């Protein structure tokens, strides 16, 4: 039986008084990223998501960075969540669950995701320091909370080890990309069915 060809692409534009953001995503891409968020460290982390998630991302943002990066980072999480949800569509035939452990030197993180249709975030990370360069690591939580609320996924993030905040962040985002890749993969044995006994997600 021929495998159905999926077109799982979506674009979202979100404009508020604080930020203007556009996100395009191709879930079946080649890991390419075009990132212009105004927050260099976030660009570096989103590049990891694209590369390890095997998805193409185009993210452009203008935000009130003269205040701080909070609104920009959170709203990018929101908009990316909306785009991923739209691209995933009815979720027929996907694996649904994904997980990954990713190390970087002394740091090790585990990320588990469920495209459940229900937003939920468990975030267990004790960063070694509050800043990576000028980036406030508290914003990592805000990014993922925004993503979860709008992608409608359950997401567990655990940093199991880490003494370097940059390494901790990088393992989290790499594992997030890998977990998304697994969860959004098409299960050839699913016969295009919703992966739930309820019949809906």
N, C-alpha and C. Protein backbone atom coordinates (compact mmCIF):
# COMPACT_ATOMS: atom_id res chain seq x y z
N UNK A 1 0.85 -1.19 0.00
CA UNK A 1 0.00 0.00 0.00
C UNK A 1 0.89 1.24 0.00
N UNK A 2 0.61 2.18 -0.85
CA UNK A 2 1.42 3.39 -0.95
C UNK A 2 1.22 4.26 0.29
N UNK A 3 2.32 4.83 0.75
CA UNK A 3 2.24 5.73 1.90
C UNK A 3 1.68 7.08 1.45
N UNK A 4 0.71 7.59 2.17
CA UNK A 4 0.12 8.86 1.77
C UNK A 4 1.13 9.98 1.97
N UNK A 5 1.13 10.91 1.01
CA UNK A 5 2.05 12.03 1.05
C UNK A 5 1.44 13.14 1.87
N UNK A 6 2.10 13.50 2.94
CA UNK A 6 1.60 14.54 3.82
C UNK A 6 2.18 15.89 3.43
N UNK A 7 1.38 16.91 3.55
CA UNK A 7 1.85 18.28 3.45
C UNK A 7 1.56 18.92 4.79
N UNK A 8 2.56 18.96 5.63
CA UNK A 8 2.35 19.42 7.01
C UNK A 8 3.13 20.72 7.21
N UNK A 9 2.57 21.76 6.60
CA UNK A 9 3.16 23.08 6.69
C UNK A 9 2.11 24.05 7.24
N UNK A 10 2.58 25.07 7.92
CA UNK A 10 1.66 26.08 8.43
C UNK A 10 2.40 27.38 8.67
N UNK A 11 1.67 28.46 8.56
CA UNK A 11 2.21 29.78 8.89
C UNK A 11 1.26 30.52 9.80
N UNK A 12 1.79 31.22 10.76
CA UNK A 12 0.99 32.01 11.71
C UNK A 12 1.62 33.39 11.85
N UNK A 13 0.78 34.40 11.86
CA UNK A 13 1.22 35.77 12.15
C UNK A 13 0.49 36.23 13.40
N UNK A 14 1.24 36.77 14.34
CA UNK A 14 0.67 37.23 15.61
C UNK A 14 1.19 38.63 15.90
N UNK A 15 0.28 39.59 15.95
CA UNK A 15 0.66 40.97 16.21
C UNK A 15 -0.03 41.49 17.46
N UNK A 16 0.74 42.03 18.38
CA UNK A 16 0.20 42.68 19.56
C UNK A 16 0.89 44.03 19.72
N UNK A 17 0.53 44.76 20.76
CA UNK A 17 1.19 46.03 21.03
C UNK A 17 2.63 45.83 21.48
N UNK A 18 2.98 44.60 21.86
CA UNK A 18 4.32 44.31 22.38
C UNK A 18 5.23 43.62 21.35
N UNK A 19 4.62 42.80 20.49
CA UNK A 19 5.43 42.02 19.54
C UNK A 19 4.70 41.87 18.21
N UNK A 20 5.49 41.70 17.16
CA UNK A 20 4.98 41.34 15.84
C UNK A 20 5.80 40.12 15.40
N UNK A 21 5.10 39.00 15.23
CA UNK A 21 5.79 37.74 15.02
C UNK A 21 5.16 36.98 13.86
N UNK A 22 6.01 36.39 13.02
CA UNK A 22 5.54 35.45 12.00
C UNK A 22 6.35 34.16 12.13
N UNK A 23 5.65 33.05 12.03
CA UNK A 23 6.28 31.73 12.12
C UNK A 23 5.75 30.87 10.99
N UNK A 24 6.67 30.27 10.25
CA UNK A 24 6.31 29.24 9.27
C UNK A 24 7.04 27.96 9.66
N UNK A 25 6.33 26.84 9.55
CA UNK A 25 6.92 25.56 9.94
C UNK A 25 6.56 24.49 8.91
N UNK A 26 7.53 23.65 8.60
CA UNK A 26 7.32 22.46 7.77
C UNK A 26 7.78 21.27 8.59
N UNK A 27 6.83 20.49 9.06
CA UNK A 27 7.15 19.37 9.95
C UNK A 27 7.95 18.28 9.25
N UNK A 28 7.91 18.27 7.93
CA UNK A 28 8.61 17.25 7.17
C UNK A 28 9.74 17.87 6.35
N UNK A 29 10.43 18.81 6.98
CA UNK A 29 11.48 19.53 6.31
C UNK A 29 12.83 18.85 6.42
N UNK A 30 13.88 19.66 6.29
CA UNK A 30 15.24 19.15 6.28
C UNK A 30 16.08 19.72 7.42
N UNK A 31 15.42 20.32 8.40
CA UNK A 31 16.16 20.88 9.53
C UNK A 31 16.75 22.24 9.25
N UNK A 32 16.19 22.96 8.29
CA UNK A 32 16.69 24.28 7.94
C UNK A 32 15.97 25.34 8.77
N UNK A 33 16.70 26.40 9.12
CA UNK A 33 16.11 27.45 9.96
C UNK A 33 16.52 28.82 9.45
N UNK A 34 15.53 29.71 9.39
CA UNK A 34 15.75 31.13 9.15
C UNK A 34 15.19 31.86 10.37
N UNK A 35 16.07 32.43 11.15
CA UNK A 35 15.68 32.93 12.47
C UNK A 35 16.14 34.38 12.64
N UNK A 36 15.16 35.23 12.89
CA UNK A 36 15.44 36.65 13.09
C UNK A 36 14.56 37.14 14.24
N UNK A 37 14.90 36.73 15.44
CA UNK A 37 14.06 37.06 16.60
C UNK A 37 14.52 38.30 17.34
N UNK A 38 15.74 38.75 17.11
CA UNK A 38 16.29 39.84 17.90
C UNK A 38 16.90 39.39 19.20
N UNK A 39 16.80 38.08 19.48
CA UNK A 39 17.37 37.51 20.71
C UNK A 39 18.36 36.43 20.27
N UNK A 40 19.64 36.75 20.16
CA UNK A 40 20.59 35.81 19.55
C UNK A 40 20.64 34.43 20.20
N UNK A 41 20.58 34.38 21.52
CA UNK A 41 20.65 33.06 22.17
C UNK A 41 19.42 32.22 21.83
N UNK A 42 18.25 32.87 21.75
CA UNK A 42 17.05 32.14 21.36
C UNK A 42 17.17 31.63 19.93
N UNK A 43 17.74 32.43 19.04
CA UNK A 43 17.98 31.95 17.67
C UNK A 43 18.82 30.68 17.70
N UNK A 44 19.85 30.67 18.52
CA UNK A 44 20.73 29.50 18.63
C UNK A 44 19.95 28.28 19.12
N UNK A 45 19.05 28.47 20.08
CA UNK A 45 18.27 27.36 20.60
C UNK A 45 17.23 26.87 19.58
N UNK A 46 16.58 27.79 18.89
CA UNK A 46 15.59 27.40 17.88
C UNK A 46 16.24 26.69 16.70
N UNK A 47 17.47 27.05 16.41
CA UNK A 47 18.22 26.34 15.37
C UNK A 47 18.41 24.87 15.76
N UNK A 48 18.61 24.63 17.06
CA UNK A 48 18.72 23.25 17.54
C UNK A 48 17.41 22.50 17.35
N UNK A 49 16.29 23.17 17.61
CA UNK A 49 14.98 22.53 17.45
C UNK A 49 14.76 22.12 16.00
N UNK A 50 15.07 23.04 15.08
CA UNK A 50 14.90 22.73 13.66
C UNK A 50 15.79 21.57 13.25
N UNK A 51 17.07 21.65 13.60
CA UNK A 51 18.03 20.65 13.15
C UNK A 51 17.70 19.27 13.71
N UNK A 52 17.47 19.20 15.01
CA UNK A 52 17.25 17.90 15.65
C UNK A 52 15.80 17.43 15.50
N UNK A 53 14.90 18.36 15.22
CA UNK A 53 13.51 17.98 14.96
C UNK A 53 13.24 17.67 13.50
N UNK A 54 14.25 17.85 12.64
CA UNK A 54 14.10 17.61 11.20
C UNK A 54 12.89 18.37 10.64
N UNK A 55 12.74 19.61 11.10
CA UNK A 55 11.67 20.47 10.59
C UNK A 55 12.28 21.79 10.12
N UNK A 56 11.63 22.41 9.18
CA UNK A 56 12.07 23.72 8.70
C UNK A 56 11.31 24.80 9.46
N UNK A 57 12.06 25.78 9.95
CA UNK A 57 11.47 26.89 10.68
C UNK A 57 11.87 28.22 10.06
N UNK A 58 10.92 29.11 9.93
CA UNK A 58 11.18 30.50 9.54
C UNK A 58 10.48 31.36 10.59
N UNK A 59 11.26 31.99 11.45
CA UNK A 59 10.70 32.76 12.56
C UNK A 59 11.27 34.17 12.52
N UNK A 60 10.38 35.15 12.46
CA UNK A 60 10.78 36.55 12.42
C UNK A 60 10.00 37.30 13.48
N UNK A 61 10.69 38.09 14.26
CA UNK A 61 10.03 38.78 15.37
C UNK A 61 10.59 40.17 15.57
N UNK A 62 9.70 41.09 15.91
CA UNK A 62 10.07 42.41 16.39
C UNK A 62 9.35 42.60 17.71
N UNK A 63 10.10 42.86 18.75
CA UNK A 63 9.49 43.00 20.06
C UNK A 63 10.04 44.17 20.83
N UNK A 64 9.48 44.38 22.01
CA UNK A 64 9.89 45.51 22.85
C UNK A 64 11.14 45.15 23.64
N UNK A 65 12.21 44.89 22.91
CA UNK A 65 13.46 44.47 23.54
C UNK A 65 14.12 45.59 24.33
N UNK A 66 13.67 46.82 24.13
CA UNK A 66 14.18 47.92 24.95
C UNK A 66 13.73 47.78 26.40
N UNK A 67 12.67 46.99 26.61
CA UNK A 67 12.23 46.70 27.99
C UNK A 67 13.00 45.48 28.48
N UNK A 68 12.74 44.35 27.88
CA UNK A 68 13.53 43.12 28.05
C UNK A 68 13.02 42.12 27.04
N UNK A 69 13.51 40.90 27.09
CA UNK A 69 13.18 39.90 26.07
C UNK A 69 11.95 39.07 26.42
N UNK A 70 11.32 39.34 27.56
CA UNK A 70 10.25 38.47 28.05
C UNK A 70 9.12 38.32 27.04
N UNK A 71 8.55 39.44 26.60
CA UNK A 71 7.39 39.37 25.70
C UNK A 71 7.76 38.69 24.39
N UNK A 72 8.94 38.98 23.87
CA UNK A 72 9.36 38.40 22.60
C UNK A 72 9.52 36.90 22.71
N UNK A 73 10.20 36.42 23.74
CA UNK A 73 10.44 34.99 23.89
C UNK A 73 9.12 34.24 24.14
N UNK A 74 8.29 34.76 25.03
CA UNK A 74 7.02 34.11 25.32
C UNK A 74 6.12 34.07 24.08
N UNK A 75 6.05 35.17 23.35
CA UNK A 75 5.15 35.23 22.20
C UNK A 75 5.65 34.38 21.04
N UNK A 76 6.96 34.20 20.94
CA UNK A 76 7.47 33.26 19.94
C UNK A 76 7.06 31.84 20.31
N UNK A 77 7.12 31.49 21.58
CA UNK A 77 6.64 30.19 22.03
C UNK A 77 5.17 29.99 21.69
N UNK A 78 4.36 31.02 21.93
CA UNK A 78 2.93 30.95 21.61
C UNK A 78 2.72 30.72 20.12
N UNK A 79 3.40 31.53 19.31
CA UNK A 79 3.18 31.48 17.86
C UNK A 79 3.70 30.18 17.26
N UNK A 80 4.85 29.71 17.76
CA UNK A 80 5.36 28.41 17.30
C UNK A 80 4.40 27.30 17.68
N UNK A 81 3.85 27.35 18.87
CA UNK A 81 2.86 26.35 19.28
C UNK A 81 1.65 26.35 18.37
N UNK A 82 1.16 27.52 18.01
CA UNK A 82 0.02 27.61 17.10
C UNK A 82 0.36 27.03 15.73
N UNK A 83 1.57 27.33 15.25
CA UNK A 83 1.97 26.85 13.92
C UNK A 83 2.12 25.33 13.90
N UNK A 84 2.73 24.77 14.95
CA UNK A 84 2.90 23.31 15.01
C UNK A 84 1.54 22.62 15.09
N UNK A 85 0.64 23.17 15.90
CA UNK A 85 -0.70 22.58 16.00
C UNK A 85 -1.43 22.61 14.67
N UNK A 86 -1.31 23.72 13.96
CA UNK A 86 -1.97 23.85 12.66
C UNK A 86 -1.37 22.88 11.65
N UNK A 87 -0.03 22.77 11.66
CA UNK A 87 0.64 21.88 10.71
C UNK A 87 0.32 20.41 11.01
N UNK A 88 0.17 20.07 12.28
CA UNK A 88 -0.14 18.68 12.66
C UNK A 88 -1.56 18.29 12.27
N UNK A 89 -2.42 19.28 12.11
CA UNK A 89 -3.77 19.03 11.64
C UNK A 89 -4.57 18.14 12.58
N UNK A 90 -5.24 17.13 12.02
CA UNK A 90 -6.10 16.26 12.84
C UNK A 90 -5.30 15.18 13.58
N UNK A 91 -3.98 15.13 13.33
CA UNK A 91 -3.07 14.21 14.02
C UNK A 91 -3.31 12.73 13.69
N UNK A 92 -4.03 12.49 12.63
CA UNK A 92 -4.24 11.11 12.21
C UNK A 92 -2.91 10.49 11.78
N UNK A 93 -2.65 9.31 12.30
CA UNK A 93 -1.49 8.54 11.87
C UNK A 93 -0.18 8.88 12.54
N UNK A 94 -0.16 9.90 13.42
CA UNK A 94 1.11 10.24 14.07
C UNK A 94 1.39 9.27 15.22
N UNK A 95 2.65 9.20 15.61
CA UNK A 95 3.04 8.37 16.75
C UNK A 95 2.41 8.90 18.03
N UNK A 96 2.30 10.19 18.14
CA UNK A 96 1.69 10.92 19.25
C UNK A 96 2.66 11.19 20.40
N UNK A 97 3.36 10.18 20.87
CA UNK A 97 4.29 10.33 21.99
C UNK A 97 5.73 10.42 21.47
N UNK A 98 6.51 11.26 22.12
CA UNK A 98 7.92 11.34 21.76
C UNK A 98 8.76 11.62 22.98
N UNK A 99 9.98 11.11 22.97
CA UNK A 99 10.87 11.35 24.11
C UNK A 99 12.32 11.36 23.61
N UNK A 100 13.16 12.02 24.37
CA UNK A 100 14.58 12.05 24.03
C UNK A 100 15.40 12.38 25.27
N UNK A 101 16.55 11.73 25.37
CA UNK A 101 17.60 12.10 26.31
C UNK A 101 18.74 12.69 25.48
N UNK A 102 19.22 13.87 25.86
CA UNK A 102 20.33 14.48 25.13
C UNK A 102 21.39 14.96 26.11
N UNK A 103 22.64 14.53 25.92
CA UNK A 103 23.74 15.02 26.75
C UNK A 103 24.53 16.11 26.02
N UNK A 104 25.19 16.94 26.78
CA UNK A 104 26.23 17.83 26.27
C UNK A 104 27.25 18.00 27.40
N UNK A 105 28.37 17.33 27.25
CA UNK A 105 29.39 17.32 28.30
C UNK A 105 28.76 16.88 29.62
N UNK A 106 28.77 17.75 30.63
CA UNK A 106 28.28 17.35 31.95
C UNK A 106 26.76 17.40 32.07
N UNK A 107 26.08 18.03 31.09
CA UNK A 107 24.64 18.25 31.17
C UNK A 107 23.88 17.12 30.48
N UNK A 108 22.72 16.78 31.05
CA UNK A 108 21.86 15.76 30.48
C UNK A 108 20.41 16.16 30.74
N UNK A 109 19.62 16.18 29.66
CA UNK A 109 18.20 16.52 29.80
C UNK A 109 17.33 15.48 29.15
N UNK A 110 16.13 15.35 29.71
CA UNK A 110 15.11 14.44 29.18
C UNK A 110 13.86 15.27 28.87
N UNK A 111 13.32 15.07 27.67
CA UNK A 111 12.07 15.74 27.28
C UNK A 111 11.11 14.68 26.77
N UNK A 112 9.87 14.73 27.26
CA UNK A 112 8.82 13.81 26.84
C UNK A 112 7.60 14.64 26.43
N UNK A 113 7.03 14.33 25.27
CA UNK A 113 5.88 15.10 24.77
C UNK A 113 4.77 14.16 24.37
N UNK A 114 3.55 14.61 24.59
CA UNK A 114 2.34 13.90 24.19
C UNK A 114 1.43 14.89 23.47
N UNK A 115 1.13 14.63 22.22
CA UNK A 115 0.19 15.47 21.47
C UNK A 115 -1.23 15.08 21.87
N UNK A 116 -1.54 15.40 23.10
CA UNK A 116 -2.73 14.91 23.77
C UNK A 116 -3.97 15.75 23.51
N UNK A 117 -3.79 16.99 23.03
CA UNK A 117 -4.90 17.93 22.95
C UNK A 117 -5.15 18.66 24.25
N UNK A 118 -4.29 18.40 25.24
CA UNK A 118 -4.43 19.04 26.55
C UNK A 118 -3.11 19.73 26.91
N UNK A 119 -3.16 21.01 27.27
CA UNK A 119 -1.92 21.70 27.63
C UNK A 119 -1.48 21.36 29.05
N UNK A 120 -0.21 21.01 29.18
CA UNK A 120 0.35 20.74 30.51
C UNK A 120 1.86 20.77 30.44
N UNK A 121 2.47 21.49 31.37
CA UNK A 121 3.93 21.60 31.40
C UNK A 121 4.45 21.23 32.77
N UNK A 122 5.38 20.29 32.80
CA UNK A 122 6.16 19.98 34.00
C UNK A 122 7.60 20.34 33.68
N UNK A 123 8.15 21.31 34.40
CA UNK A 123 9.45 21.89 34.07
C UNK A 123 10.33 21.81 35.32
N UNK A 124 11.27 20.88 35.28
CA UNK A 124 12.15 20.67 36.44
C UNK A 124 13.59 20.95 36.02
N UNK A 125 13.97 22.20 36.16
CA UNK A 125 15.30 22.64 35.74
C UNK A 125 15.83 23.62 36.78
N UNK A 126 16.98 23.32 37.31
CA UNK A 126 17.68 24.25 38.20
C UNK A 126 18.93 24.75 37.47
N UNK A 127 18.81 25.92 36.91
CA UNK A 127 19.92 26.45 36.13
C UNK A 127 21.09 26.84 37.02
N UNK A 128 22.28 26.62 36.50
CA UNK A 128 23.50 26.87 37.26
C UNK A 128 23.74 28.36 37.48
N UNK A 129 23.21 29.19 36.61
CA UNK A 129 23.34 30.64 36.77
C UNK A 129 22.16 31.31 36.09
N UNK A 130 21.85 32.56 36.43
CA UNK A 130 20.63 33.19 35.93
C UNK A 130 20.73 33.72 34.51
N UNK A 131 21.92 33.91 34.00
CA UNK A 131 22.09 34.50 32.67
C UNK A 131 23.04 33.65 31.83
N UNK A 132 22.73 33.55 30.54
CA UNK A 132 23.69 33.06 29.55
C UNK A 132 23.97 34.24 28.64
N UNK A 133 25.12 34.86 28.81
CA UNK A 133 25.34 36.14 28.15
C UNK A 133 24.35 37.14 28.71
N UNK A 134 23.50 37.68 27.85
CA UNK A 134 22.45 38.61 28.29
C UNK A 134 21.09 37.94 28.37
N UNK A 135 21.03 36.65 28.12
CA UNK A 135 19.75 35.94 28.09
C UNK A 135 19.38 35.45 29.48
N UNK A 136 18.20 35.84 29.94
CA UNK A 136 17.67 35.44 31.24
C UNK A 136 17.10 34.03 31.13
N UNK A 137 17.67 33.07 31.84
CA UNK A 137 17.24 31.68 31.68
C UNK A 137 15.83 31.44 32.19
N UNK A 138 15.26 32.35 32.98
CA UNK A 138 13.85 32.22 33.37
C UNK A 138 12.94 32.19 32.14
N UNK A 139 13.40 32.77 31.04
CA UNK A 139 12.57 32.85 29.85
C UNK A 139 12.44 31.51 29.13
N UNK A 140 13.29 30.55 29.47
CA UNK A 140 13.13 29.21 28.89
C UNK A 140 11.78 28.64 29.30
N UNK A 141 11.45 28.77 30.57
CA UNK A 141 10.14 28.30 31.04
C UNK A 141 9.02 29.04 30.33
N UNK A 142 9.14 30.35 30.17
CA UNK A 142 8.09 31.14 29.53
C UNK A 142 7.88 30.71 28.08
N UNK A 143 8.98 30.41 27.39
CA UNK A 143 8.88 29.94 26.01
C UNK A 143 8.07 28.64 25.95
N UNK A 144 8.45 27.69 26.79
CA UNK A 144 7.77 26.39 26.73
C UNK A 144 6.33 26.47 27.23
N UNK A 145 6.06 27.34 28.20
CA UNK A 145 4.67 27.50 28.65
C UNK A 145 3.81 28.05 27.53
N UNK A 146 4.34 29.03 26.80
CA UNK A 146 3.60 29.56 25.65
C UNK A 146 3.37 28.50 24.59
N UNK A 147 4.41 27.70 24.31
CA UNK A 147 4.28 26.64 23.31
C UNK A 147 3.21 25.64 23.73
N UNK A 148 3.29 25.15 24.94
CA UNK A 148 2.36 24.13 25.44
C UNK A 148 0.92 24.62 25.39
N UNK A 149 0.69 25.84 25.82
CA UNK A 149 -0.67 26.37 25.89
C UNK A 149 -1.34 26.43 24.52
N UNK A 150 -0.54 26.60 23.47
CA UNK A 150 -1.12 26.81 22.15
C UNK A 150 -0.91 25.64 21.20
N UNK A 151 0.07 24.78 21.46
CA UNK A 151 0.18 23.53 20.70
C UNK A 151 -0.74 22.46 21.27
N UNK A 152 -1.22 22.69 22.49
CA UNK A 152 -2.09 21.74 23.19
C UNK A 152 -1.41 20.38 23.35
N UNK A 153 -0.23 20.44 23.96
CA UNK A 153 0.53 19.23 24.24
C UNK A 153 0.83 19.14 25.72
N UNK A 154 1.10 17.92 26.17
CA UNK A 154 1.66 17.69 27.49
C UNK A 154 3.16 17.56 27.32
N UNK A 155 3.92 18.33 28.11
CA UNK A 155 5.37 18.38 27.93
C UNK A 155 6.06 18.27 29.29
N UNK A 156 6.95 17.29 29.41
CA UNK A 156 7.75 17.13 30.61
C UNK A 156 9.21 17.42 30.25
N UNK A 157 9.80 18.35 30.98
CA UNK A 157 11.20 18.72 30.75
C UNK A 157 11.95 18.55 32.06
N UNK A 158 12.97 17.71 32.03
CA UNK A 158 13.79 17.46 33.22
C UNK A 158 15.26 17.61 32.84
N UNK A 159 15.95 18.54 33.51
CA UNK A 159 17.40 18.57 33.40
C UNK A 159 17.94 17.69 34.53
N UNK A 160 18.53 16.58 34.15
CA UNK A 160 18.95 15.59 35.13
C UNK A 160 20.31 15.92 35.74
N UNK A 161 21.17 16.55 34.95
CA UNK A 161 22.49 16.98 35.42
C UNK A 161 22.86 18.26 34.68
N UNK A 162 23.70 19.06 35.30
CA UNK A 162 24.21 20.23 34.59
C UNK A 162 24.85 21.23 35.52
N UNK A 163 26.03 21.69 35.14
CA UNK A 163 26.74 22.72 35.90
C UNK A 163 27.00 23.96 35.06
N UNK A 164 26.60 23.91 33.79
CA UNK A 164 26.81 25.02 32.87
C UNK A 164 25.46 25.36 32.26
N UNK A 165 24.98 26.59 32.48
CA UNK A 165 23.63 26.96 32.06
C UNK A 165 23.45 26.88 30.55
N UNK A 166 24.50 27.23 29.81
CA UNK A 166 24.41 27.12 28.34
C UNK A 166 24.21 25.66 27.94
N UNK A 167 24.97 24.76 28.54
CA UNK A 167 24.82 23.34 28.24
C UNK A 167 23.43 22.84 28.64
N UNK A 168 22.95 23.28 29.80
CA UNK A 168 21.61 22.87 30.23
C UNK A 168 20.55 23.28 29.22
N UNK A 169 20.60 24.55 28.79
CA UNK A 169 19.63 25.04 27.81
C UNK A 169 19.72 24.26 26.51
N UNK A 170 20.94 24.03 26.05
CA UNK A 170 21.11 23.39 24.76
C UNK A 170 20.61 21.95 24.78
N UNK A 171 20.85 21.24 25.87
CA UNK A 171 20.34 19.87 25.93
C UNK A 171 18.81 19.86 25.96
N UNK A 172 18.21 20.83 26.61
CA UNK A 172 16.74 20.92 26.67
C UNK A 172 16.17 21.14 25.27
N UNK A 173 16.69 22.10 24.55
CA UNK A 173 16.13 22.42 23.23
C UNK A 173 16.42 21.32 22.22
N UNK A 174 17.60 20.71 22.29
CA UNK A 174 17.88 19.58 21.39
C UNK A 174 16.94 18.41 21.68
N UNK A 175 16.75 18.10 22.94
CA UNK A 175 15.85 17.00 23.31
C UNK A 175 14.42 17.31 22.92
N UNK A 176 14.02 18.57 23.05
CA UNK A 176 12.69 18.99 22.62
C UNK A 176 12.50 18.74 21.13
N UNK A 177 13.49 19.12 20.33
CA UNK A 177 13.41 18.87 18.90
C UNK A 177 13.30 17.39 18.58
N UNK A 178 14.13 16.57 19.23
CA UNK A 178 14.10 15.13 18.99
C UNK A 178 12.76 14.52 19.41
N UNK A 179 12.22 14.97 20.54
CA UNK A 179 10.93 14.45 21.01
C UNK A 179 9.80 14.83 20.06
N UNK A 180 9.82 16.07 19.56
CA UNK A 180 8.82 16.48 18.58
C UNK A 180 8.91 15.62 17.33
N UNK A 181 10.14 15.38 16.88
CA UNK A 181 10.35 14.58 15.67
C UNK A 181 9.74 13.20 15.83
N UNK A 182 9.95 12.57 16.97
CA UNK A 182 9.40 11.24 17.21
C UNK A 182 7.88 11.29 17.27
N UNK A 183 7.34 12.21 18.04
CA UNK A 183 5.89 12.27 18.24
C UNK A 183 5.13 12.57 16.96
N UNK A 184 5.71 13.39 16.10
CA UNK A 184 5.02 13.81 14.88
C UNK A 184 5.32 12.91 13.70
N UNK A 185 6.16 11.88 13.91
CA UNK A 185 6.43 10.92 12.84
C UNK A 185 5.15 10.14 12.51
N UNK A 186 5.05 9.75 11.26
CA UNK A 186 3.89 8.97 10.83
C UNK A 186 4.15 7.49 11.12
N UNK A 187 3.24 6.87 11.84
CA UNK A 187 3.33 5.45 12.17
C UNK A 187 2.76 4.64 11.01
N UNK A 188 3.58 3.88 10.29
CA UNK A 188 3.07 3.16 9.12
C UNK A 188 2.03 2.10 9.46
N UNK A 189 1.94 1.72 10.73
CA UNK A 189 0.96 0.69 11.12
C UNK A 189 -0.35 1.30 11.61
N UNK A 190 -0.42 2.62 11.64
CA UNK A 190 -1.61 3.27 12.20
C UNK A 190 -2.79 3.28 11.25
N UNK A 191 -2.53 3.08 9.95
CA UNK A 191 -3.58 3.13 8.92
C UNK A 191 -4.34 4.45 8.96
N UNK A 192 -3.61 5.50 9.32
CA UNK A 192 -4.21 6.83 9.31
C UNK A 192 -5.22 7.10 10.41
N UNK A 193 -5.16 6.31 11.46
CA UNK A 193 -6.13 6.48 12.55
C UNK A 193 -5.61 7.46 13.60
N UNK A 194 -6.54 8.03 14.35
CA UNK A 194 -6.18 8.87 15.50
C UNK A 194 -5.59 7.96 16.58
N UNK A 195 -4.41 8.28 17.11
CA UNK A 195 -3.78 7.42 18.12
C UNK A 195 -4.38 7.64 19.51
N UNK A 196 -5.65 7.32 19.64
CA UNK A 196 -6.33 7.45 20.93
C UNK A 196 -7.57 6.57 20.91
N UNK A 197 -7.85 5.93 22.06
CA UNK A 197 -9.09 5.14 22.15
C UNK A 197 -10.34 6.01 22.14
N UNK A 198 -10.16 7.30 22.42
CA UNK A 198 -11.30 8.23 22.37
C UNK A 198 -11.70 8.56 20.95
N UNK A 199 -10.76 8.37 20.01
CA UNK A 199 -11.05 8.68 18.62
C UNK A 199 -10.81 10.14 18.27
N UNK A 200 -10.29 10.90 19.22
CA UNK A 200 -9.99 12.31 18.97
C UNK A 200 -8.88 12.76 19.90
N UNK A 201 -8.12 13.75 19.45
CA UNK A 201 -7.09 14.36 20.27
C UNK A 201 -7.24 15.87 20.23
